[in-house]
Amino acid sequence: VQLQASGGGVVQAGGSLRLSCAASGKIVGVNVRGWYRQAPGEERELVATILNNGMTTYEDSVKGRFTISRDIRKNTVYLQMNSLKPEDTAVYFCTTKTVYGRLYWGQGTLVTVSS
């Protein structure tokens, strides 16, 4: 099973983007799905997660601006990003972790926010 992330691009500060992450097949025992990002020269950081029960968590700097959601039928997770800032510029990666401890990574999609 592979995760395919899409939706990145170039946007002006204050703009919005929606990232999508589709799984190529069924992942058994999904526990949590999330988004990480990695800015140039920085370490990868966790941006948002959504648990199997629907509960969500967010990194402090994106609270109130980003929303993680999922479509179970489409096996897809989304990251709606509003009020984007130049410091949001990064490669965004989607992940899925199962109850068995297996972690899947998507290939990354680049988000560039211009000032």
C-alpha atoms as a PDB file:
ATOM      1  CA  VAL A   1       0.000   0.000   0.000  1.00  0.00           C
ATOM      2  CA  GLN A   2       1.278   3.458  -0.893  1.00  0.00           C
ATOM      3  CA  LEU A   3       0.204   6.907   0.241  1.00  0.00           C
ATOM      4  CA  GLN A   4      -0.093   9.512  -2.506  1.00  0.00           C
ATOM      5  CA  ALA A   5      -0.008  13.126  -1.364  1.00  0.00           C
ATOM      6  CA  SER A   6      -1.150  15.956  -3.598  1.00  0.00           C
ATOM      7  CA  GLY A   7      -2.362  19.528  -3.508  1.00  0.00           C
ATOM      8  CA  GLY A   8       0.837  21.415  -2.844  1.00  0.00           C
ATOM      9  CA  GLY A   9       1.768  24.512  -4.777  1.00  0.00           C
ATOM     10  CA  VAL A  10       2.694  28.156  -4.591  1.00  0.00           C
ATOM     11  CA  VAL A  11       0.355  30.542  -2.812  1.00  0.00           C
ATOM     12  CA  GLN A  12       0.578  34.073  -1.492  1.00  0.00           C
ATOM     13  CA  ALA A  13       0.549  34.745   2.210  1.00  0.00           C
ATOM     14  CA  GLY A  14      -3.003  34.701   3.512  1.00  0.00           C
ATOM     15  CA  GLY A  15      -4.088  32.211   0.905  1.00  0.00           C
ATOM     16  CA  SER A  16      -5.331  28.640   1.236  1.00  0.00           C
ATOM     17  CA  LEU A  17      -4.452  25.183   0.005  1.00  0.00           C
ATOM     18  CA  ARG A  18      -5.946  21.768   0.584  1.00  0.00           C
ATOM     19  CA  LEU A  19      -3.669  18.772   0.678  1.00  0.00           C
ATOM     20  CA  SER A  20      -4.941  15.277   0.025  1.00  0.00           C
ATOM     21  CA  CYS A  21      -3.456  11.911   0.860  1.00  0.00           C
ATOM     22  CA  ALA A  22      -4.964   8.838  -0.717  1.00  0.00           C
ATOM     23  CA  ALA A  23      -4.038   5.281   0.116  1.00  0.00           C
ATOM     24  CA  SER A  24      -3.636   2.960  -2.858  1.00  0.00           C
ATOM     25  CA  GLY A  25      -5.267   0.115  -0.982  1.00  0.00           C
ATOM     26  CA  LYS A  26      -6.807  -0.913   2.279  1.00  0.00           C
ATOM     27  CA  ILE A  27      -4.655  -0.516   5.366  1.00  0.00           C
ATOM     28  CA  VAL A  28      -5.710  -2.884   8.108  1.00  0.00           C
ATOM     29  CA  GLY A  29      -5.823  -1.574  11.644  1.00  0.00           C
ATOM     30  CA  VAL A  30      -5.454   2.148  11.010  1.00  0.00           C
ATOM     31  CA  ASN A  31      -4.888   3.900  14.309  1.00  0.00           C
ATOM     32  CA  VAL A  32      -3.855   7.423  13.386  1.00  0.00           C
ATOM     33  CA  ARG A  33      -3.309   9.422  10.222  1.00  0.00           C
ATOM     34  CA  GLY A  34      -1.377  12.629  10.110  1.00  0.00           C
ATOM     35  CA  TRP A  35       0.646  15.245   8.354  1.00  0.00           C
ATOM     36  CA  TYR A  36       4.255  16.187   8.963  1.00  0.00           C
ATOM     37  CA  ARG A  37       6.246  18.932   7.326  1.00  0.00           C
ATOM     38  CA  GLN A  38       9.898  19.668   6.797  1.00  0.00           C
ATOM     39  CA  ALA A  39      11.192  23.101   5.965  1.00  0.00           C
ATOM     40  CA  PRO A  40      14.618  23.576   4.355  1.00  0.00           C
ATOM     41  CA  GLY A  41      17.339  23.048   6.926  1.00  0.00           C
ATOM     42  CA  GLU A  42      14.838  22.091   9.596  1.00  0.00           C
ATOM     43  CA  GLU A  43      13.811  18.861  11.218  1.00  0.00           C
ATOM     44  CA  ARG A  44      10.564  17.186  10.277  1.00  0.00           C
ATOM     45  CA  GLU A  45       7.723  18.223  12.575  1.00  0.00           C
ATOM     46  CA  LEU A  46       4.275  16.866  13.238  1.00  0.00           C
ATOM     47  CA  VAL A  47       1.565  19.243  12.043  1.00  0.00           C
ATOM     48  CA  ALA A  48      -1.731  17.479  12.652  1.00  0.00           C
ATOM     49  CA  THR A  49      -3.182  14.077  13.429  1.00  0.00           C
ATOM     50  CA  ILE A  50      -6.573  12.439  13.309  1.00  0.00           C
ATOM     51  CA  LEU A  51      -7.232   9.341  15.352  1.00  0.00           C
ATOM     52  CA  ASN A  52      -9.416   6.438  14.367  1.00  0.00           C
ATOM     53  CA  ASN A  53     -12.107   7.822  16.652  1.00  0.00           C
ATOM     54  CA  GLY A  54     -12.013  11.170  14.877  1.00  0.00           C
ATOM     55  CA  MET A  55     -10.160  13.129  17.512  1.00  0.00           C
ATOM     56  CA  THR A  56      -7.666  15.634  16.124  1.00  0.00           C
ATOM     57  CA  THR A  57      -4.494  17.301  17.360  1.00  0.00           C
ATOM     58  CA  TYR A  58      -2.533  20.223  15.959  1.00  0.00           C
ATOM     59  CA  GLU A  59       0.876  21.753  16.337  1.00  0.00           C
ATOM     60  CA  ASP A  60       0.536  25.080  18.136  1.00  0.00           C
ATOM     61  CA  SER A  61       1.553  27.287  15.220  1.00  0.00           C
ATOM     62  CA  VAL A  62      -1.219  25.936  12.957  1.00  0.00           C
ATOM     63  CA  LYS A  63      -4.089  25.829  15.456  1.00  0.00           C
ATOM     64  CA  GLY A  64      -7.050  27.776  14.151  1.00  0.00           C
ATOM     65  CA  ARG A  65      -5.630  27.857  10.607  1.00  0.00           C
ATOM     66  CA  PHE A  66      -5.279  24.208   9.590  1.00  0.00           C
ATOM     67  CA  THR A  67      -7.924  21.493   9.696  1.00  0.00           C
ATOM     68  CA  ILE A  68      -7.296  17.788   9.277  1.00  0.00           C
ATOM     69  CA  SER A  69     -10.153  15.598   8.104  1.00  0.00           C
ATOM     70  CA  ARG A  70     -10.758  12.283   6.448  1.00  0.00           C
ATOM     71  CA  ASP A  71     -13.088  10.518   4.053  1.00  0.00           C
ATOM     72  CA  ILE A  72     -13.183   6.895   5.153  1.00  0.00           C
ATOM     73  CA  ARG A  73     -15.006   5.744   2.006  1.00  0.00           C
ATOM     74  CA  LYS A  74     -12.321   7.301  -0.181  1.00  0.00           C
ATOM     75  CA  ASN A  75      -9.525   6.178   2.133  1.00  0.00           C
ATOM     76  CA  THR A  76      -8.225   9.729   2.016  1.00  0.00           C
ATOM     77  CA  VAL A  77      -7.079  12.256   4.591  1.00  0.00           C
ATOM     78  CA  TYR A  78      -7.030  15.992   3.976  1.00  0.00           C
ATOM     79  CA  LEU A  79      -5.261  19.027   5.385  1.00  0.00           C
ATOM     80  CA  GLN A  80      -7.089  22.293   4.795  1.00  0.00           C
ATOM     81  CA  MET A  81      -4.621  25.121   5.261  1.00  0.00           C
ATOM     82  CA  ASN A  82      -5.939  28.671   5.586  1.00  0.00           C
ATOM     83  CA  SER A  83      -4.262  31.985   6.359  1.00  0.00           C
ATOM     84  CA  LEU A  84      -0.982  30.581   5.149  1.00  0.00           C
ATOM     85  CA  LYS A  85       2.234  32.245   6.237  1.00  0.00           C
ATOM     86  CA  PRO A  86       5.698  32.183   4.664  1.00  0.00           C
ATOM     87  CA  GLU A  87       6.874  30.085   7.621  1.00  0.00           C
ATOM     88  CA  ASP A  88       4.453  27.353   6.514  1.00  0.00           C
ATOM     89  CA  THR A  89       6.670  26.765   3.491  1.00  0.00           C
ATOM     90  CA  ALA A  90       7.796  23.146   3.622  1.00  0.00           C
ATOM     91  CA  VAL A  91       7.441  19.725   2.114  1.00  0.00           C
ATOM     92  CA  TYR A  92       4.351  18.145   3.637  1.00  0.00           C
ATOM     93  CA  PHE A  93       4.215  14.389   4.216  1.00  0.00           C
ATOM     94  CA  CYS A  94       1.208  12.298   5.090  1.00  0.00           C
ATOM     95  CA  THR A  95       1.467   9.281   7.351  1.00  0.00           C
ATOM     96  CA  THR A  96      -0.650   6.404   8.513  1.00  0.00           C
ATOM     97  CA  LYS A  97       0.154   4.322  11.562  1.00  0.00           C
ATOM     98  CA  THR A  98      -1.564   1.076  12.407  1.00  0.00           C
ATOM     99  CA  VAL A  99      -2.356  -0.525  15.738  1.00  0.00           C
ATOM    100  CA  TYR A 100       0.334  -3.055  14.868  1.00  0.00           C
ATOM    101  CA  GLY A 101       2.970  -0.343  14.816  1.00  0.00           C
ATOM    102  CA  ARG A 102       3.467  -0.168  11.073  1.00  0.00           C
ATOM    103  CA  LEU A 103       4.061   3.351   9.766  1.00  0.00           C
ATOM    104  CA  TYR A 104       3.382   4.366   6.173  1.00  0.00           C
ATOM    105  CA  TRP A 105       4.763   7.557   4.612  1.00  0.00           C
ATOM    106  CA  GLY A 106       3.638   9.450   1.542  1.00  0.00           C
ATOM    107  CA  GLN A 107       6.129  10.929  -0.887  1.00  0.00           C
ATOM    108  CA  GLY A 108       5.687  14.564   0.128  1.00  0.00           C
ATOM    109  CA  THR A 109       4.151  17.567  -1.554  1.00  0.00           C
ATOM    110  CA  LEU A 110       5.791  20.998  -1.614  1.00  0.00           C
ATOM    111  CA  VAL A 111       3.966  24.024  -0.256  1.00  0.00           C
ATOM    112  CA  THR A 112       5.520  27.420  -0.936  1.00  0.00           C
ATOM    113  CA  VAL A 113       4.018  30.534   0.618  1.00  0.00           C
ATOM    114  CA  SER A 114       5.280  33.809  -0.801  1.00  0.00           C
ATOM    115  CA  SER A 115       5.247  37.033   1.183  1.00  0.00           C
END
